[in-house]
C-alpha atoms as a PDB file:
ATOM      1  CA  ARG A   1     -81.601 -91.899 -73.217  1.00  0.00           C
ATOM      2  CA  ILE A   2     -82.779 -93.544 -70.164  1.00  0.00           C
ATOM      3  CA  ASN A   3     -86.344 -92.087 -68.528  1.00  0.00           C
ATOM      4  CA  PHE A   4     -86.587 -92.287 -65.013  1.00  0.00           C
ATOM      5  CA  TYR A   5     -89.703 -91.136 -62.598  1.00  0.00           C
ATOM      6  CA  PRO A   6     -89.545 -88.455 -60.198  1.00  0.00           C
ATOM      7  CA  PHE A   7     -88.048 -89.721 -57.472  1.00  0.00           C
ATOM      8  CA  GLY A   8     -84.966 -91.614 -60.010  1.00  0.00           C
ATOM      9  CA  LEU A   9     -86.382 -95.117 -60.325  1.00  0.00           C
ATOM     10  CA  GLU A  10     -86.224 -96.086 -64.103  1.00  0.00           C
ATOM     11  CA  HIS A  11     -89.061 -96.996 -66.123  1.00  0.00           C
ATOM     12  CA  LYS A  12     -89.278-100.523 -66.964  1.00  0.00           C
ATOM     13  CA  GLY A  13     -90.117-102.105 -70.236  1.00  0.00           C
ATOM     14  CA  TYR A  14     -87.820-100.273 -72.510  1.00  0.00           C
ATOM     15  CA  ASN A  15     -84.633 -98.080 -71.470  1.00  0.00           C
ATOM     16  CA  ASN A  16     -82.445-101.246 -72.682  1.00  0.00           C
ATOM     17  CA  THR A  17     -81.318 -99.437 -75.644  1.00  0.00           C
ATOM     18  CA  ILE A  18     -77.427 -98.412 -75.227  1.00  0.00           C
ATOM     19  CA  THR A  19     -76.048 -95.506 -77.613  1.00  0.00           C
ATOM     20  CA  GLY A  20     -72.811 -94.771 -77.471  1.00  0.00           C
ATOM     21  CA  ARG A  21     -70.302 -95.159 -74.594  1.00  0.00           C
ATOM     22  CA  GLU A  22     -71.960 -97.235 -72.019  1.00  0.00           C
ATOM     23  CA  HIS A  23     -71.350 -95.267 -68.499  1.00  0.00           C
ATOM     24  CA  PRO A  24     -72.502 -95.260 -65.072  1.00  0.00           C
ATOM     25  CA  TYR A  25     -73.892 -91.612 -65.132  1.00  0.00           C
ATOM     26  CA  ASP A  26     -77.948 -91.535 -64.871  1.00  0.00           C
ATOM     27  CA  TYR A  27     -80.704 -89.735 -62.610  1.00  0.00           C
ATOM     28  CA  ASN A  28     -80.138 -86.073 -62.016  1.00  0.00           C
ATOM     29  CA  GLY A  29     -76.291 -86.874 -63.778  1.00  0.00           C
ATOM     30  CA  LYS A  30     -74.622 -88.568 -60.638  1.00  0.00           C
ATOM     31  CA  GLU A  31     -73.209 -92.199 -60.410  1.00  0.00           C
ATOM     32  CA  ASN A  32     -75.075 -95.132 -59.604  1.00  0.00           C
ATOM     33  CA  ASN A  33     -72.914 -97.233 -57.304  1.00  0.00           C
ATOM     34  CA  GLN A  34     -74.156-100.601 -57.689  1.00  0.00           C
ATOM     35  CA  GLU A  35     -71.339-102.311 -55.735  1.00  0.00           C
ATOM     36  CA  LEU A  36     -72.671-105.093 -53.129  1.00  0.00           C
ATOM     37  CA  GLY A  37     -76.173-104.230 -55.168  1.00  0.00           C
ATOM     38  CA  LEU A  38     -76.508-100.888 -53.198  1.00  0.00           C
ATOM     39  CA  ASN A  39     -77.968 -99.016 -56.245  1.00  0.00           C
ATOM     40  CA  TRP A  40     -77.392 -95.680 -54.424  1.00  0.00           C
ATOM     41  CA  HIS A  41     -76.474 -92.491 -56.575  1.00  0.00           C
ATOM     42  CA  ASP A  42     -73.399 -90.493 -55.290  1.00  0.00           C
ATOM     43  CA  PHE A  43     -74.273 -86.808 -54.506  1.00  0.00           C
ATOM     44  CA  GLY A  44     -71.198 -85.972 -53.331  1.00  0.00           C
ATOM     45  CA  TRP A  45     -71.917 -85.261 -50.000  1.00  0.00           C
ATOM     46  CA  ARG A  46     -74.638 -87.923 -49.458  1.00  0.00           C
ATOM     47  CA  ASN A  47     -75.908 -91.056 -50.881  1.00  0.00           C
ATOM     48  CA  TYR A  48     -79.075 -91.470 -52.503  1.00  0.00           C
ATOM     49  CA  ASP A  49     -81.632 -94.611 -52.796  1.00  0.00           C
ATOM     50  CA  ALA A  50     -83.845 -94.335 -55.302  1.00  0.00           C
ATOM     51  CA  SER A  51     -86.298 -97.126 -54.549  1.00  0.00           C
ATOM     52  CA  VAL A  52     -87.225 -95.345 -51.528  1.00  0.00           C
ATOM     53  CA  GLY A  53     -86.874 -91.434 -52.357  1.00  0.00           C
ATOM     54  CA  ARG A  54     -84.427 -91.153 -49.110  1.00  0.00           C
ATOM     55  CA  TRP A  55     -80.795 -90.179 -48.291  1.00  0.00           C
ATOM     56  CA  PHE A  56     -78.559 -92.796 -45.910  1.00  0.00           C
ATOM     57  CA  ASN A  57     -76.243 -89.756 -44.867  1.00  0.00           C
ATOM     58  CA  ILE A  58     -77.827 -86.681 -43.016  1.00  0.00           C
ATOM     59  CA  ASP A  59     -78.289 -83.681 -44.587  1.00  0.00           C
ATOM     60  CA  PRO A  60     -74.494 -81.792 -43.857  1.00  0.00           C
ATOM     61  CA  HIS A  61     -77.283 -78.659 -43.342  1.00  0.00           C
ATOM     62  CA  SER A  62     -80.083 -79.932 -41.951  1.00  0.00           C
ATOM     63  CA  GLU A  63     -79.681 -77.671 -39.271  1.00  0.00           C
ATOM     64  CA  ASN A  64     -81.245 -75.124 -41.397  1.00  0.00           C
ATOM     65  CA  TYR A  65     -84.232 -76.870 -42.319  1.00  0.00           C
ATOM     66  CA  TYR A  66     -86.191 -77.792 -39.317  1.00  0.00           C
ATOM     67  CA  SER A  67     -89.345 -78.184 -40.992  1.00  0.00           C
ATOM     68  CA  LEU A  68     -88.090 -81.326 -43.139  1.00  0.00           C
ATOM     69  CA  SER A  69     -86.799 -84.675 -42.330  1.00  0.00           C
ATOM     70  CA  SER A  70     -82.707 -84.805 -42.498  1.00  0.00           C
ATOM     71  CA  TYR A  71     -83.204 -88.183 -44.937  1.00  0.00           C
ATOM     72  CA  ASN A  72     -85.760 -86.955 -47.137  1.00  0.00           C
ATOM     73  CA  SER A  73     -84.858 -85.849 -50.611  1.00  0.00           C
ATOM     74  CA  PHE A  74     -85.409 -82.840 -52.850  1.00  0.00           C
ATOM     75  CA  ALA A  75     -88.044 -81.220 -50.498  1.00  0.00           C
ATOM     76  CA  ASN A  76     -90.200 -84.236 -51.036  1.00  0.00           C
ATOM     77  CA  ASN A  77     -90.606 -82.299 -54.057  1.00  0.00           C
ATOM     78  CA  PRO A  78     -88.531 -83.475 -56.970  1.00  0.00           C
ATOM     79  CA  ILE A  79     -90.083 -81.858 -59.940  1.00  0.00           C
ATOM     80  CA  SER A  80     -88.943 -78.100 -58.343  1.00  0.00           C
ATOM     81  CA  PHE A  81     -85.749 -78.910 -56.378  1.00  0.00           C
ATOM     82  CA  VAL A  82     -82.337 -80.704 -57.108  1.00  0.00           C
ATOM     83  CA  ASP A  83     -79.869 -81.008 -54.615  1.00  0.00           C
ATOM     84  CA  PRO A  84     -76.313 -80.998 -56.730  1.00  0.00           C
ATOM     85  CA  ASP A  85     -74.201 -81.726 -53.796  1.00  0.00           C
ATOM     86  CA  GLY A  86     -75.098 -80.649 -50.576  1.00  0.00           C
ATOM     87  CA  ARG A  87     -74.214 -76.849 -50.396  1.00  0.00           C
ATOM     88  CA  ASP A  88     -74.995 -73.461 -50.158  1.00  0.00           C
ATOM     89  CA  LEU A  89     -72.302 -71.144 -51.874  1.00  0.00           C
ATOM     90  CA  LEU A  90     -72.355 -72.475 -55.391  1.00  0.00           C
ATOM     91  CA  PHE A  91     -70.006 -71.834 -58.234  1.00  0.00           C
ATOM     92  CA  TRP A  92     -70.986 -71.397 -61.976  1.00  0.00           C
ATOM     93  CA  GLN A  93     -69.549 -71.233 -65.522  1.00  0.00           C
ATOM     94  CA  LYS A  94     -71.692 -69.991 -68.747  1.00  0.00           C
ATOM     95  CA  ASN A  95     -70.519 -72.918 -71.314  1.00  0.00           C
ATOM     96  CA  ASP A  96     -70.529 -72.227 -75.108  1.00  0.00           C
ATOM     97  CA  ASP A  97     -73.797 -72.741 -75.704  1.00  0.00           C
ATOM     98  CA  GLY A  98     -75.060 -69.801 -73.634  1.00  0.00           C
ATOM     99  CA  LYS A  99     -75.879 -72.218 -70.476  1.00  0.00           C
ATOM    100  CA  TRP A 100     -75.038 -72.184 -67.064  1.00  0.00           C
ATOM    101  CA  GLU A 101     -73.484 -74.991 -65.638  1.00  0.00           C
ATOM    102  CA  GLN A 102     -72.136 -76.009 -62.050  1.00  0.00           C
ATOM    103  CA  VAL A 103     -68.770 -76.154 -61.657  1.00  0.00           C
ATOM    104  CA  GLU A 104     -66.596 -76.697 -58.676  1.00  0.00           C
ATOM    105  CA  PHE A 105     -64.058 -73.783 -57.241  1.00  0.00           C
ATOM    106  CA  ASN A 106     -61.054 -75.113 -59.088  1.00  0.00           C
ATOM    107  CA  GLN A 107     -63.232 -75.220 -62.733  1.00  0.00           C
ATOM    108  CA  LEU A 108     -63.672 -71.425 -62.552  1.00  0.00           C
ATOM    109  CA  SER A 109     -60.100 -69.566 -64.312  1.00  0.00           C
ATOM    110  CA  LYS A 110     -57.345 -69.153 -62.346  1.00  0.00           C
ATOM    111  CA  GLU A 111     -57.820 -65.264 -62.317  1.00  0.00           C
ATOM    112  CA  VAL A 112     -61.767 -65.567 -60.834  1.00  0.00           C
ATOM    113  CA  GLN A 113     -60.509 -68.221 -58.106  1.00  0.00           C
ATOM    114  CA  GLU A 114     -57.404 -65.413 -57.079  1.00  0.00           C
ATOM    115  CA  SER A 115     -59.862 -62.586 -57.122  1.00  0.00           C
ATOM    116  CA  LEU A 116     -62.332 -64.887 -55.141  1.00  0.00           C
ATOM    117  CA  VAL A 117     -59.844 -65.959 -52.345  1.00  0.00           C
ATOM    118  CA  ALA A 118     -58.372 -62.029 -52.248  1.00  0.00           C
ATOM    119  CA  PHE A 119     -61.910 -61.221 -51.592  1.00  0.00           C
ATOM    120  CA  ALA A 120     -62.387 -64.357 -48.757  1.00  0.00           C
ATOM    121  CA  GLU A 121     -58.745 -62.872 -47.286  1.00  0.00           C
ATOM    122  CA  THR A 122     -60.323 -59.134 -46.567  1.00  0.00           C
ATOM    123  CA  GLU A 123     -61.989 -58.658 -43.276  1.00  0.00           C
ATOM    124  CA  GLU A 124     -65.268 -57.518 -45.198  1.00  0.00           C
ATOM    125  CA  GLY A 125     -65.171 -59.913 -47.584  1.00  0.00           C
ATOM    126  CA  PHE A 126     -64.723 -63.027 -45.168  1.00  0.00           C
ATOM    127  CA  ASN A 127     -67.585 -61.908 -42.956  1.00  0.00           C
ATOM    128  CA  PHE A 128     -69.826 -60.931 -46.085  1.00  0.00           C
ATOM    129  CA  LEU A 129     -69.041 -64.754 -47.178  1.00  0.00           C
ATOM    130  CA  SER A 130     -69.684 -65.942 -43.796  1.00  0.00           C
ATOM    131  CA  ASP A 131     -73.380 -64.874 -43.534  1.00  0.00           C
ATOM    132  CA  PHE A 132     -73.615 -67.781 -45.978  1.00  0.00           C
ATOM    133  CA  ALA A 133     -71.381 -70.149 -45.254  1.00  0.00           C
ATOM    134  CA  ASN A 134     -71.952 -73.425 -43.602  1.00  0.00           C
ATOM    135  CA  GLU A 135     -69.458 -74.969 -41.593  1.00  0.00           C
ATOM    136  CA  GLY A 136     -66.566 -76.439 -43.416  1.00  0.00           C
ATOM    137  CA  ASP A 137     -67.480 -74.745 -46.600  1.00  0.00           C
ATOM    138  CA  LYS A 138     -64.335 -73.710 -48.465  1.00  0.00           C
ATOM    139  CA  ILE A 139     -63.189 -70.835 -51.484  1.00  0.00           C
ATOM    140  CA  GLY A 140     -59.790 -72.173 -51.602  1.00  0.00           C
ATOM    141  CA  ASP A 141     -58.021 -72.328 -49.043  1.00  0.00           C
ATOM    142  CA  VAL A 142     -60.074 -69.956 -47.255  1.00  0.00           C
ATOM    143  CA  GLU A 143     -62.605 -72.391 -44.700  1.00  0.00           C
ATOM    144  CA  PHE A 144     -65.074 -71.014 -42.704  1.00  0.00           C
ATOM    145  CA  GLY A 145     -65.430 -72.657 -39.362  1.00  0.00           C
ATOM    146  CA  GLU A 146     -69.285 -71.772 -38.096  1.00  0.00           C
ATOM    147  CA  THR A 147     -72.735 -71.764 -39.919  1.00  0.00           C
ATOM    148  CA  GLY A 148     -73.970 -68.348 -41.074  1.00  0.00           C
ATOM    149  CA  LYS A 149     -77.022 -66.579 -40.161  1.00  0.00           C
ATOM    150  CA  TYR A 150     -77.976 -66.707 -43.749  1.00  0.00           C
ATOM    151  CA  ALA A 151     -77.069 -70.054 -44.770  1.00  0.00           C
ATOM    152  CA  LYS A 152     -80.500 -71.216 -45.014  1.00  0.00           C
ATOM    153  CA  HIS A 153     -79.990 -68.848 -48.335  1.00  0.00           C
ATOM    154  CA  GLU A 154     -78.222 -69.204 -51.531  1.00  0.00           C
ATOM    155  CA  LEU A 155     -75.186 -67.301 -52.704  1.00  0.00           C
ATOM    156  CA  SER A 156     -74.418 -68.311 -56.167  1.00  0.00           C
ATOM    157  CA  PHE A 157     -71.130 -66.900 -58.087  1.00  0.00           C
ATOM    158  CA  GLY A 158     -70.940 -67.229 -61.773  1.00  0.00           C
ATOM    159  CA  GLU A 159     -68.461 -65.987 -64.606  1.00  0.00           C
ATOM    160  CA  PHE A 160     -69.113 -65.816 -68.264  1.00  0.00           C
ATOM    161  CA  ASN A 161     -67.055 -64.035 -70.791  1.00  0.00           C
ATOM    162  CA  TYR A 162     -69.088 -61.221 -73.284  1.00  0.00           C
ATOM    163  CA  TYR A 163     -67.375 -58.513 -74.490  1.00  0.00           C
ATOM    164  CA  GLY A 164     -69.797 -55.460 -74.473  1.00  0.00           C
ATOM    165  CA  GLY A 165     -71.214 -56.596 -71.154  1.00  0.00           C
ATOM    166  CA  ALA A 166     -70.706 -55.248 -67.454  1.00  0.00           C
ATOM    167  CA  SER A 167     -67.703 -56.138 -65.455  1.00  0.00           C
ATOM    168  CA  GLY A 168     -70.074 -57.563 -62.526  1.00  0.00           C
ATOM    169  CA  SER A 169     -73.290 -58.116 -61.844  1.00  0.00           C
ATOM    170  CA  SER A 170     -75.596 -58.704 -58.629  1.00  0.00           C
ATOM    171  CA  LYS A 171     -79.381 -59.821 -57.846  1.00  0.00           C
ATOM    172  CA  ALA A 172     -81.385 -61.160 -55.643  1.00  0.00           C
ATOM    173  CA  LYS A 173     -84.200 -63.834 -56.973  1.00  0.00           C
ATOM    174  CA  LEU A 174     -87.089 -65.996 -55.285  1.00  0.00           C
ATOM    175  CA  LYS A 175     -87.826 -68.786 -57.181  1.00  0.00           C
ATOM    176  CA  ASN A 176     -91.304 -70.290 -57.397  1.00  0.00           C
ATOM    177  CA  GLY A 177     -91.829 -72.568 -54.850  1.00  0.00           C
ATOM    178  CA  ASP A 178     -88.353 -71.934 -53.013  1.00  0.00           C
ATOM    179  CA  ASP A 179     -88.502 -71.094 -49.383  1.00  0.00           C
ATOM    180  CA  LYS A 180     -85.333 -69.452 -49.627  1.00  0.00           C
ATOM    181  CA  LEU A 181     -83.915 -66.247 -51.644  1.00  0.00           C
ATOM    182  CA  THR A 182     -81.134 -66.810 -54.012  1.00  0.00           C
ATOM    183  CA  PHE A 183     -78.399 -64.305 -54.801  1.00  0.00           C
ATOM    184  CA  GLU A 184     -76.478 -64.319 -58.193  1.00  0.00           C
ATOM    185  CA  TRP A 185     -73.462 -62.641 -58.096  1.00  0.00           C
ATOM    186  CA  THR A 186     -71.183 -62.614 -61.465  1.00  0.00           C
ATOM    187  CA  LEU A 187     -67.995 -61.703 -63.401  1.00  0.00           C
ATOM    188  CA  ASN A 188     -67.210 -61.288 -66.356  1.00  0.00           C
ATOM    189  CA  THR A 189     -63.853 -62.459 -67.737  1.00  0.00           C
ATOM    190  CA  ALA A 190     -64.228 -60.334 -71.666  1.00  0.00           C
ATOM    191  CA  TYR A 191     -61.720 -57.465 -70.466  1.00  0.00           C
ATOM    192  CA  SER A 192     -58.801 -59.725 -69.147  1.00  0.00           C
ATOM    193  CA  GLY A 193     -56.722 -58.810 -72.651  1.00  0.00           C
ATOM    194  CA  ASP A 194     -57.786 -55.271 -72.376  1.00  0.00           C
ATOM    195  CA  GLN A 195     -56.697 -54.720 -68.883  1.00  0.00           C
ATOM    196  CA  ARG A 196     -53.496 -56.246 -69.477  1.00  0.00           C
ATOM    197  CA  SER A 197     -52.364 -54.021 -72.316  1.00  0.00           C
ATOM    198  CA  ASP A 198     -53.427 -51.174 -70.265  1.00  0.00           C
ATOM    199  CA  GLY A 199     -51.043 -52.644 -67.178  1.00  0.00           C
ATOM    200  CA  ILE A 200     -53.684 -53.269 -65.230  1.00  0.00           C
ATOM    201  CA  ASP A 201     -54.002 -56.893 -63.397  1.00  0.00           C
ATOM    202  CA  PRO A 202     -57.451 -58.963 -64.021  1.00  0.00           C
ATOM    203  CA  THR A 203     -57.248 -60.471 -60.744  1.00  0.00           C
ATOM    204  CA  THR A 204     -57.166 -57.258 -58.949  1.00  0.00           C
ATOM    205  CA  SER A 205     -59.850 -55.532 -61.359  1.00  0.00           C
ATOM    206  CA  ASN A 206     -61.717 -58.782 -60.553  1.00  0.00           C
ATOM    207  CA  ALA A 207     -61.585 -58.528 -56.797  1.00  0.00           C
ATOM    208  CA  ILE A 208     -62.279 -54.794 -56.815  1.00  0.00           C
ATOM    209  CA  THR A 209     -65.372 -55.795 -58.781  1.00  0.00           C
ATOM    210  CA  ASN A 210     -66.209 -58.805 -56.404  1.00  0.00           C
ATOM    211  CA  GLY A 211     -66.415 -55.626 -53.798  1.00  0.00           C
ATOM    212  CA  HIS A 212     -68.221 -53.155 -55.958  1.00  0.00           C
ATOM    213  CA  GLU A 213     -71.309 -55.836 -56.211  1.00  0.00           C
ATOM    214  CA  ALA A 214     -70.897 -56.918 -52.483  1.00  0.00           C
ATOM    215  CA  PHE A 215     -70.652 -53.574 -50.666  1.00  0.00           C
ATOM    216  CA  ILE A 216     -72.043 -51.174 -53.504  1.00  0.00           C
ATOM    217  CA  HIS A 217     -74.800 -52.825 -54.255  1.00  0.00           C
ATOM    218  CA  TYR A 218     -75.929 -56.306 -52.042  1.00  0.00           C
ATOM    219  CA  SER A 219     -74.519 -54.641 -48.545  1.00  0.00           C
ATOM    220  CA  GLN A 220     -77.470 -51.770 -49.552  1.00  0.00           C
ATOM    221  CA  TYR A 221     -80.846 -54.079 -49.240  1.00  0.00           C
ATOM    222  CA  ILE A 222     -79.671 -57.104 -48.379  1.00  0.00           C
ATOM    223  CA  ASP A 223     -79.976 -57.416 -44.872  1.00  0.00           C
ATOM    224  CA  GLU A 224     -83.625 -55.647 -45.226  1.00  0.00           C
ATOM    225  CA  LEU A 225     -84.686 -58.245 -47.982  1.00  0.00           C
ATOM    226  CA  ILE A 226     -83.533 -61.469 -45.702  1.00  0.00           C
ATOM    227  CA  GLU A 227     -84.975 -59.810 -42.309  1.00  0.00           C
ATOM    228  CA  ALA A 228     -88.026 -59.066 -44.382  1.00  0.00           C
ATOM    229  CA  PHE A 229     -88.589 -62.994 -46.178  1.00  0.00           C
ATOM    230  CA  ASP A 230     -87.738 -64.365 -43.268  1.00  0.00           C
ATOM    231  CA  SER A 231     -90.419 -62.701 -41.162  1.00  0.00           C
ATOM    232  CA  GLY A 232     -92.972 -63.762 -43.813  1.00  0.00           C
ATOM    233  CA  ASP A 233     -93.562 -59.789 -44.762  1.00  0.00           C
ATOM    234  CA  MET A 234     -93.844 -60.551 -48.736  1.00  0.00           C
ATOM    235  CA  ASN A 235     -95.342 -57.283 -48.959  1.00  0.00           C
ATOM    236  CA  ARG A 236     -92.237 -55.702 -48.203  1.00  0.00           C
ATOM    237  CA  VAL A 237     -89.869 -58.438 -50.091  1.00  0.00           C
ATOM    238  CA  ASN A 238     -91.819 -57.275 -53.001  1.00  0.00           C
ATOM    239  CA  GLU A 239     -91.495 -53.696 -52.329  1.00  0.00           C
ATOM    240  CA  ILE A 240     -87.893 -54.004 -51.994  1.00  0.00           C
ATOM    241  CA  PHE A 241     -87.483 -56.188 -55.553  1.00  0.00           C
ATOM    242  CA  LYS A 242     -89.312 -53.548 -57.211  1.00  0.00           C
ATOM    243  CA  GLU A 243     -87.115 -50.913 -55.767  1.00  0.00           C
ATOM    244  CA  ARG A 244     -84.236 -52.799 -56.926  1.00  0.00           C
ATOM    245  CA  LYS A 245     -85.453 -53.100 -60.621  1.00  0.00           C
ATOM    246  CA  GLN A 246     -85.846 -49.436 -60.724  1.00  0.00           C
ATOM    247  CA  ILE A 247     -82.204 -48.912 -59.467  1.00  0.00           C
ATOM    248  CA  ALA A 248     -81.002 -51.218 -62.326  1.00  0.00           C
ATOM    249  CA  ARG A 249     -82.779 -49.689 -64.747  1.00  0.00           C
ATOM    250  CA  ASN A 250     -81.101 -46.425 -63.789  1.00  0.00           C
ATOM    251  CA  GLY A 251     -77.840 -47.371 -65.311  1.00  0.00           C
ATOM    252  CA  GLY A 252     -77.370 -50.052 -64.042  1.00  0.00           C
ATOM    253  CA  GLY A 253     -77.126 -48.728 -60.541  1.00  0.00           C
ATOM    254  CA  ARG A 254     -76.283 -45.768 -61.220  1.00  0.00           C
ATOM    255  CA  PRO A 255     -77.650 -44.373 -58.142  1.00  0.00           C
ATOM    256  CA  GLU A 256     -75.748 -46.223 -55.726  1.00  0.00           C
ATOM    257  CA  HIS A 257     -72.331 -45.818 -58.056  1.00  0.00           C
ATOM    258  CA  ASN A 258     -73.216 -41.799 -57.733  1.00  0.00           C
ATOM    259  CA  ASN A 259     -73.508 -42.178 -53.744  1.00  0.00           C
ATOM    260  CA  TYR A 260     -70.178 -44.567 -53.963  1.00  0.00           C
ATOM    261  CA  LEU A 261     -67.913 -41.911 -55.642  1.00  0.00           C
ATOM    262  CA  ASP A 262     -69.432 -38.888 -53.854  1.00  0.00           C
ATOM    263  CA  SER A 263     -67.993 -41.117 -50.186  1.00  0.00           C
ATOM    264  CA  LYS A 264     -71.686 -41.649 -48.612  1.00  0.00           C
ATOM    265  CA  PRO A 265     -71.658 -43.174 -45.486  1.00  0.00           C
ATOM    266  CA  GLU A 266     -73.303 -46.116 -45.950  1.00  0.00           C
ATOM    267  CA  PHE A 267     -70.560 -47.215 -48.737  1.00  0.00           C
ATOM    268  CA  LYS A 268     -68.355 -47.052 -45.571  1.00  0.00           C
ATOM    269  CA  GLN A 269     -67.636 -51.152 -46.227  1.00  0.00           C
ATOM    270  CA  MET A 270     -66.357 -50.546 -49.654  1.00  0.00           C
ATOM    271  CA  ARG A 271     -63.525 -48.220 -48.592  1.00  0.00           C
ATOM    272  CA  SER A 272     -62.952 -50.285 -45.498  1.00  0.00           C
ATOM    273  CA  TYR A 273     -62.529 -53.482 -47.834  1.00  0.00           C
ATOM    274  CA  LEU A 274     -60.201 -51.668 -50.809  1.00  0.00           C
ATOM    275  CA  THR A 275     -58.022 -50.752 -47.450  1.00  0.00           C
ATOM    276  CA  GLN A 276     -57.956 -54.158 -46.571  1.00  0.00           C
ATOM    277  CA  LEU A 277     -57.926 -55.691 -50.269  1.00  0.00           C
ATOM    278  CA  LYS A 278     -54.220 -53.363 -50.382  1.00  0.00           C
ATOM    279  CA  GLN A 279     -52.956 -55.953 -47.660  1.00  0.00           C
ATOM    280  CA  VAL A 280     -53.957 -58.959 -49.576  1.00  0.00           C
ATOM    281  CA  LEU A 281     -52.858 -58.078 -53.388  1.00  0.00           C
ATOM    282  CA  ASN A 282     -50.388 -55.689 -54.607  1.00  0.00           C
ATOM    283  CA  PRO A 283     -51.177 -52.396 -53.202  1.00  0.00           C
ATOM    284  CA  SER A 284     -49.932 -50.341 -56.452  1.00  0.00           C
ATOM    285  CA  SER A 285     -52.157 -52.981 -58.319  1.00  0.00           C
ATOM    286  CA  VAL A 286     -55.023 -52.284 -56.492  1.00  0.00           C
ATOM    287  CA  ASN A 287     -54.675 -48.406 -56.578  1.00  0.00           C
ATOM    288  CA  LYS A 288     -54.591 -48.679 -60.410  1.00  0.00           C
ATOM    289  CA  ALA A 289     -57.478 -51.277 -61.023  1.00  0.00           C
ATOM    290  CA  LEU A 290     -58.895 -49.121 -58.559  1.00  0.00           C
ATOM    291  CA  LYS A 291     -58.464 -45.749 -60.460  1.00  0.00           C
ATOM    292  CA  SER A 292     -59.606 -47.552 -63.780  1.00  0.00           C
ATOM    293  CA  HIS A 293     -62.615 -48.783 -62.164  1.00  0.00           C
ATOM    294  CA  ASP A 294     -63.552 -45.297 -60.219  1.00  0.00           C
ATOM    295  CA  ASN A 295     -63.124 -43.384 -63.668  1.00  0.00           C
ATOM    296  CA  ASN A 296     -65.088 -45.505 -65.310  1.00  0.00           C
ATOM    297  CA  LEU A 297     -68.324 -44.996 -62.850  1.00  0.00           C
ATOM    298  CA  GLU A 298     -67.457 -41.095 -63.155  1.00  0.00           C
ATOM    299  CA  ARG A 299     -68.034 -41.425 -67.348  1.00  0.00           C
ATOM    300  CA  ARG A 300     -71.128 -42.743 -66.569  1.00  0.00           C
ATOM    301  CA  ARG A 301     -72.620 -40.294 -63.930  1.00  0.00           C
ATOM    302  CA  ASN A 302     -75.669 -38.199 -64.865  1.00  0.00           C
END
């Protein structure tokens, strides 16, 4: 095990014992490029020099952080912050130990990838993701051509497999020390086998769950929450977090589920998304998965 100072320089005087196979991946798990004596770490979008605590390439999202230098690292606080690869649309998987690991989009399961691409190919889905994307971000072959209004904030998508858990979840968080909100959105792939047995396409079912989290839940509060946070109105931010906890405790969002089933006007986006999804995926598959989705919500209605 190698020990580092916070900004990445190795402790000297020990750290010389190698256990296992020697490899170049050390600080933050990034490759230490020693060619030409540079000793830079490859963070994907930028090269990092631990000896000066600086990047040698401009932050690709520097326009979102006017108060910081384009070259400083980890907002000058490596204890609290990391910069995995310079992007704001992040993908995660829960491993066999129950811990979340950041992955590339193409490391997600095939059905989850396809469901996210289907979501992004609809007008409503593309617009939702565009708000968080930076210019050049991609989901599959869908590329975002400009930086969105919420790109300062982070949208994290996670895939897990837990039989007995909800098909999906969504929540907003403010992590200690962060100057941004994090929106965590997950899909549970545990029911794919059951869905196939029932003649339901898992990709289509996941795509409907994506719309569920985005347009039945997130869209009911996300604009107001971000506006309050960006304006510094932390009293309203905390009020919204409290309101969301109360809704989540009520049957995992039952009030919003019921209002969606009752075709309340604030769920127009979800209905538009479902119509658009039938133009992206097989319409009969969408109808069948949607019927299952709505029946599950009806069974949990008060």
